[in-house]
Amino acid sequence: MGLALSGGAARGMAHVGVLRVLLEACVPIDFIAGTSAGALVGGALAAGMSLDEIEEISRSLRWRDVGRMTLSRLGVQSSARMEEFIRARFPITRFEELRIPFAAVATDLHTGEPVIMKDEGDIAFAIRASCCIPGWYVPVTDAEGRQLVDGGLVANIPTRAARHLGADVVLAVDVNAEGATFLSPPHSAIGILLQSMMVVQRTVSSLQLMDADIAIRPKVGHIRWDEMARASELIKAGEEAAQEMLEHIREIIRPAPAPSGKWFQFLRRRREQTPTRRRLSSQR
């Protein structure tokens, strides 16, 4: 079982509610792939943090904890504080030491290709790169000299990354499925631009969801992406969406029962005897 946790800024707190339901129901989680906010929540679980610890961070986290103003021409803020925040709280900060295999997805700003960070290296840097909102945060540069920004540009629902980790069954969590129900029809050029960006992202996400075996869609379209103070509502929405899908998840991961009964035994004996009969016929 592999999880593919979508980006969604503050809405990503809904992932915490989903994870709580899955873990309490003893649903196995063997791999985790995350984009942006999904990388932060998923990385925390993969590093060995408890759900209570992750929820506590979610409720207290504010934008000032992950960014600060900068004079750079490439962005309004630096996200260096996010790395510091992760290093101070995660019990493990190296991919090689993770309890659960994990991947964080970023975007190569120059090629437009997804960059899947996994297996080895620094988790704090990978999550920071995956969360680097272009235009707001200054892009981060990796060891290969690539400028990396938010993975949501190319893989907001990282189902392919979950497959690359080795997952046979992929459970996707899409916190943007409802779009933005709080928005009225656009009345300005910037409004049209924002709406257009959301349409493109939802179109790409629908293709990524096709690679998932199960999809959980928390109903959080009424909450803006910057409303971190609404953690309780977001977590509850994640719990409710996961509960609705729980029986379906159990059906998919439940082992197939071993065939039994006299009719099955009869057919099996016939198959076993067929080669012998063919050999005898050929000898005649």
Protein backbone atom coordinates (compact mmCIF):
# COMPACT_ATOMS: atom_id res chain seq x y z
CA MET A 1 0.00 0.00 0.00
CA GLY A 2 1.39 3.38 -1.01
CA LEU A 3 -0.04 6.79 -0.10
CA ALA A 4 0.03 9.71 -2.56
CA LEU A 5 -0.64 12.88 -0.54
CA SER A 6 -1.47 15.97 -2.57
CA GLY A 7 -0.32 19.53 -2.16
CA GLY A 8 -2.74 22.16 -0.96
CA ALA A 9 -0.97 24.52 1.49
CA ALA A 10 -3.09 24.85 4.66
CA ARG A 11 -5.58 22.33 3.29
CA GLY A 12 -2.85 19.73 3.67
CA MET A 13 -3.82 19.49 7.35
CA ALA A 14 -6.71 17.31 6.17
CA HIS A 15 -4.08 14.62 5.51
CA VAL A 16 -3.63 14.32 9.28
CA GLY A 17 -7.27 13.30 9.71
CA VAL A 18 -7.00 10.77 6.88
CA LEU A 19 -3.88 9.23 8.41
CA ARG A 20 -5.51 8.93 11.82
CA VAL A 21 -8.42 6.91 10.43
CA LEU A 22 -6.12 4.66 8.40
CA LEU A 23 -3.79 3.94 11.29
CA GLU A 24 -6.58 3.34 13.79
CA ALA A 25 -8.14 0.89 11.31
CA CYS A 26 -4.75 -0.88 10.98
CA VAL A 27 -4.54 -0.16 7.24
CA PRO A 28 -0.93 -0.97 6.26
CA ILE A 29 1.14 1.96 5.00
CA ASP A 30 4.27 0.67 3.26
CA PHE A 31 5.23 3.69 1.13
CA ILE A 32 4.47 7.43 1.22
CA ALA A 33 4.85 9.98 -1.58
CA GLY A 34 3.99 13.61 -0.93
CA THR A 35 3.84 16.89 -2.78
CA SER A 36 4.11 20.24 -0.99
CA ALA A 37 1.93 20.07 2.15
CA GLY A 38 1.53 16.34 1.53
CA ALA A 39 5.31 15.99 1.66
CA LEU A 40 5.45 17.74 5.04
CA VAL A 41 2.75 15.55 6.62
CA GLY A 42 3.88 12.35 4.93
CA GLY A 43 7.53 12.99 5.71
CA ALA A 44 6.72 13.47 9.39
CA LEU A 45 4.97 10.10 9.55
CA ALA A 46 7.72 8.36 7.60
CA ALA A 47 10.31 9.82 10.00
CA GLY A 48 8.58 8.16 12.95
CA MET A 49 6.52 10.99 14.44
CA SER A 50 3.28 9.93 16.11
CA LEU A 51 -0.09 11.17 14.84
CA ASP A 52 -0.54 13.15 18.05
CA GLU A 53 2.75 14.95 17.46
CA ILE A 54 1.89 15.66 13.82
CA GLU A 55 -1.55 16.94 14.78
CA GLU A 56 -0.08 19.19 17.46
CA ILE A 57 2.29 20.73 14.91
CA SER A 58 -0.57 21.17 12.43
CA ARG A 59 -2.65 23.07 14.96
CA SER A 60 0.19 25.40 15.96
CA LEU A 61 1.88 25.94 12.57
CA ARG A 62 1.76 29.45 11.10
CA TRP A 63 3.23 30.97 7.94
CA ARG A 64 5.86 32.84 9.96
CA ASP A 65 7.26 29.47 11.06
CA VAL A 66 8.24 28.50 7.52
CA GLY A 67 9.21 31.75 5.78
CA ARG A 68 10.71 35.18 6.22
CA MET A 69 10.95 38.30 4.05
CA THR A 70 13.88 38.58 1.67
CA LEU A 71 15.38 41.12 -0.71
CA SER A 72 15.78 38.56 -3.48
CA ARG A 73 14.30 39.34 -6.89
CA LEU A 74 13.26 35.70 -7.23
CA GLY A 75 10.64 35.66 -4.50
CA VAL A 76 8.95 37.57 -1.70
CA GLN A 77 10.19 35.26 1.06
CA SER A 78 12.91 32.73 1.80
CA SER A 79 11.73 29.31 3.00
CA ALA A 80 14.95 28.56 4.90
CA ARG A 81 12.93 28.57 8.13
CA MET A 82 11.08 25.50 6.91
CA GLU A 83 14.32 23.50 6.88
CA GLU A 84 15.12 24.73 10.40
CA PHE A 85 11.60 23.88 11.53
CA ILE A 86 11.84 20.31 10.20
CA ARG A 87 15.32 19.67 11.59
CA ALA A 88 14.20 20.81 15.04
CA ARG A 89 11.16 18.49 15.14
CA PHE A 90 11.73 15.41 12.99
CA PRO A 91 13.46 12.54 14.80
CA ILE A 92 15.16 11.54 11.51
CA THR A 93 16.28 13.85 8.70
CA ARG A 94 17.96 11.41 6.28
CA PHE A 95 16.11 9.32 3.70
CA GLU A 96 18.38 6.37 4.42
CA GLU A 97 17.13 6.14 8.02
CA LEU A 98 13.38 6.41 7.45
CA ARG A 99 10.95 3.97 9.05
CA ILE A 100 8.72 4.06 5.94
CA PRO A 101 10.13 4.62 2.41
CA PHE A 102 9.22 8.18 1.41
CA ALA A 103 9.45 10.43 -1.65
CA ALA A 104 8.98 14.20 -1.95
CA VAL A 105 8.18 15.69 -5.36
CA ALA A 106 9.45 19.07 -6.58
CA THR A 107 9.57 20.72 -10.01
CA ASP A 108 12.68 21.59 -12.02
CA LEU A 109 11.94 25.23 -12.85
CA HIS A 110 13.90 25.17 -16.12
CA THR A 111 12.80 21.87 -17.64
CA GLY A 112 9.34 21.62 -16.08
CA GLU A 113 10.07 18.00 -15.15
CA PRO A 114 9.14 16.45 -11.80
CA VAL A 115 12.06 15.79 -9.45
CA ILE A 116 11.40 12.82 -7.15
CA MET A 117 13.65 12.91 -4.09
CA LYS A 118 13.91 9.55 -2.32
CA ASP A 119 16.27 6.80 -1.09
CA GLU A 120 19.12 9.04 0.06
CA GLY A 121 19.81 12.62 1.03
CA ASP A 122 18.38 15.32 3.25
CA ILE A 123 14.65 15.13 4.03
CA ALA A 124 14.40 18.72 5.28
CA PHE A 125 15.76 20.09 2.01
CA ALA A 126 13.52 17.81 -0.06
CA ILE A 127 10.36 18.89 1.76
CA ARG A 128 11.36 22.54 1.56
CA ALA A 129 11.86 22.21 -2.21
CA SER A 130 8.52 20.42 -2.61
CA CYS A 131 6.76 23.27 -0.73
CA CYS A 132 8.49 26.14 -2.55
CA ILE A 133 5.55 28.12 -3.97
CA PRO A 134 6.90 29.87 -7.10
CA GLY A 135 6.81 33.65 -7.00
CA TRP A 136 6.32 33.68 -3.23
CA TYR A 137 9.30 31.65 -2.04
CA VAL A 138 12.76 31.94 -3.58
CA PRO A 139 13.55 28.73 -5.56
CA VAL A 140 16.00 26.37 -3.86
CA THR A 141 19.05 24.96 -5.64
CA ASP A 142 20.04 21.31 -5.27
CA ALA A 143 23.47 19.67 -5.51
CA GLU A 144 23.07 19.30 -9.29
CA GLY A 145 22.46 23.02 -9.71
CA ARG A 146 18.75 22.69 -10.50
CA GLN A 147 16.36 25.38 -9.34
CA LEU A 148 13.50 23.61 -7.62
CA VAL A 149 9.99 24.86 -6.85
CA ASP A 150 6.67 23.43 -5.66
CA GLY A 151 5.93 19.93 -6.97
CA GLY A 152 2.29 20.86 -7.36
CA LEU A 153 3.09 22.42 -10.75
CA VAL A 154 3.64 19.00 -12.33
CA ALA A 155 2.54 16.30 -9.85
CA ASN A 156 0.12 17.69 -7.32
CA ILE A 157 -1.08 14.13 -6.64
CA PRO A 158 2.15 12.05 -6.69
CA THR A 159 0.68 8.69 -7.68
CA ARG A 160 3.56 7.91 -10.03
CA ALA A 161 6.10 8.61 -7.29
CA ALA A 162 4.25 6.14 -5.04
CA ARG A 163 4.49 3.51 -7.79
CA HIS A 164 8.22 4.24 -8.18
CA LEU A 165 8.71 3.49 -4.50
CA GLY A 166 7.24 0.02 -5.07
CA ALA A 167 3.55 0.31 -4.23
CA ASP A 168 1.16 -2.23 -5.77
CA VAL A 169 -1.92 -0.43 -4.44
CA VAL A 170 -1.95 3.39 -4.40
CA LEU A 171 -4.30 5.39 -2.20
CA ALA A 172 -4.44 9.03 -3.29
CA VAL A 173 -5.62 11.87 -1.05
CA ASP A 174 -6.70 14.97 -3.01
CA VAL A 175 -7.42 17.99 -0.82
CA ASN A 176 -8.22 20.14 -3.87
CA ALA A 177 -10.93 17.94 -5.36
CA GLU A 178 -13.67 20.46 -4.60
CA GLY A 179 -11.76 23.39 -6.07
CA ALA A 180 -12.53 26.72 -4.43
CA THR A 181 -16.21 27.00 -3.56
CA PHE A 182 -15.51 30.20 -1.62
CA LEU A 183 -14.75 32.09 -4.85
CA SER A 184 -17.33 34.09 -6.74
CA PRO A 185 -17.14 34.41 -10.56
CA PRO A 186 -13.99 36.42 -11.46
CA HIS A 187 -14.43 40.14 -12.08
CA SER A 188 -10.82 41.07 -12.84
CA ALA A 189 -7.82 39.96 -14.88
CA ILE A 190 -6.06 38.55 -11.80
CA GLY A 191 -9.22 36.69 -10.84
CA ILE A 192 -9.44 35.10 -14.27
CA LEU A 193 -5.73 34.16 -14.04
CA LEU A 194 -6.19 32.42 -10.67
CA GLN A 195 -9.28 30.56 -11.82
CA SER A 196 -7.47 29.47 -14.99
CA MET A 197 -4.54 28.12 -12.97
CA MET A 198 -6.93 26.07 -10.83
CA VAL A 199 -8.66 24.66 -13.92
CA VAL A 200 -5.29 23.54 -15.34
CA GLN A 201 -4.23 21.99 -12.03
CA ARG A 202 -7.50 20.10 -11.64
CA THR A 203 -7.19 18.77 -15.21
CA VAL A 204 -3.67 17.48 -14.56
CA SER A 205 -4.73 16.06 -11.19
CA SER A 206 -7.55 14.10 -12.80
CA LEU A 207 -4.98 12.30 -14.96
CA GLN A 208 -2.84 11.55 -11.92
CA LEU A 209 -5.85 10.18 -10.07
CA MET A 210 -6.34 7.66 -12.88
CA ASP A 211 -3.14 5.99 -11.67
CA ALA A 212 -4.60 5.52 -8.18
CA ASP A 213 -6.54 2.48 -7.00
CA ILE A 214 -8.41 4.45 -4.33
CA ALA A 215 -9.04 8.19 -3.94
CA ILE A 216 -10.03 10.07 -0.80
CA ARG A 217 -11.36 13.58 -1.37
CA PRO A 218 -11.83 15.65 1.81
CA LYS A 219 -14.56 18.27 1.43
CA VAL A 220 -12.53 21.41 2.07
CA GLY A 221 -13.39 23.54 -0.96
CA HIS A 222 -14.83 26.23 1.35
CA ILE A 223 -11.45 26.77 3.07
CA ARG A 224 -8.76 28.96 1.52
CA TRP A 225 -5.25 27.64 1.03
CA ASP A 226 -3.78 30.22 3.45
CA GLU A 227 -6.15 29.57 6.39
CA MET A 228 -3.82 27.69 8.72
CA ALA A 229 -5.89 28.63 11.77
CA ARG A 230 -8.69 26.30 10.60
CA ALA A 231 -6.72 23.14 11.38
CA SER A 232 -9.52 21.56 13.43
CA GLU A 233 -12.01 21.80 10.54
CA LEU A 234 -9.48 20.47 8.06
CA ILE A 235 -8.48 17.51 10.22
CA LYS A 236 -12.13 16.63 10.84
CA ALA A 237 -12.88 16.80 7.10
CA GLY A 238 -10.00 14.40 6.46
CA GLU A 239 -11.33 11.97 9.06
CA GLU A 240 -14.85 12.05 7.59
CA ALA A 241 -13.63 11.49 4.03
CA ALA A 242 -11.42 8.56 5.09
CA GLN A 243 -14.24 6.96 7.10
CA GLU A 244 -16.50 7.06 4.01
CA MET A 245 -13.90 5.11 2.02
CA LEU A 246 -12.69 2.77 4.75
CA GLU A 247 -14.77 -0.27 3.83
CA HIS A 248 -13.79 0.11 0.17
CA ILE A 249 -10.12 0.26 1.20
CA ARG A 250 -10.53 -2.91 3.26
CA GLU A 251 -12.11 -4.71 0.31
CA ILE A 252 -9.20 -3.83 -1.96
CA ILE A 253 -6.42 -4.84 0.42
CA ARG A 254 -8.20 -7.92 1.83
CA PRO A 255 -6.43 -11.12 0.66
CA ALA A 256 -8.44 -13.22 -1.75
CA PRO A 257 -9.86 -16.32 -0.01
CA ALA A 258 -8.31 -19.64 -0.95
CA PRO A 259 -10.62 -21.58 -3.31
CA SER A 260 -12.34 -24.51 -1.66
CA GLY A 261 -15.20 -26.94 -2.15
CA LYS A 262 -15.68 -30.27 -3.91
CA TRP A 263 -16.19 -28.74 -7.36
CA PHE A 264 -12.87 -26.86 -7.13
CA GLN A 265 -11.08 -30.02 -5.95
CA PHE A 266 -12.56 -31.96 -8.88
CA LEU A 267 -11.36 -29.36 -11.42
CA ARG A 268 -7.89 -29.25 -9.88
CA ARG A 269 -7.54 -33.05 -10.11
CA ARG A 270 -8.63 -32.91 -13.76
CA ARG A 271 -5.97 -30.31 -14.56
CA GLU A 272 -3.31 -32.38 -12.82
CA GLN A 273 -4.28 -35.53 -14.73
CA THR A 274 -4.56 -33.91 -18.18
CA PRO A 275 -0.83 -34.05 -19.08
CA THR A 276 -0.72 -37.77 -18.19
CA ARG A 277 -3.73 -38.52 -20.36
CA ARG A 278 -2.19 -36.64 -23.29
CA ARG A 279 1.03 -38.66 -22.99
CA LEU A 280 -0.89 -41.94 -22.93
CA SER A 281 -2.90 -40.90 -26.00
CA SER A 282 0.23 -40.00 -27.95
CA GLN A 283 1.81 -43.35 -27.09
CA ARG A 284 -1.20 -45.18 -28.52
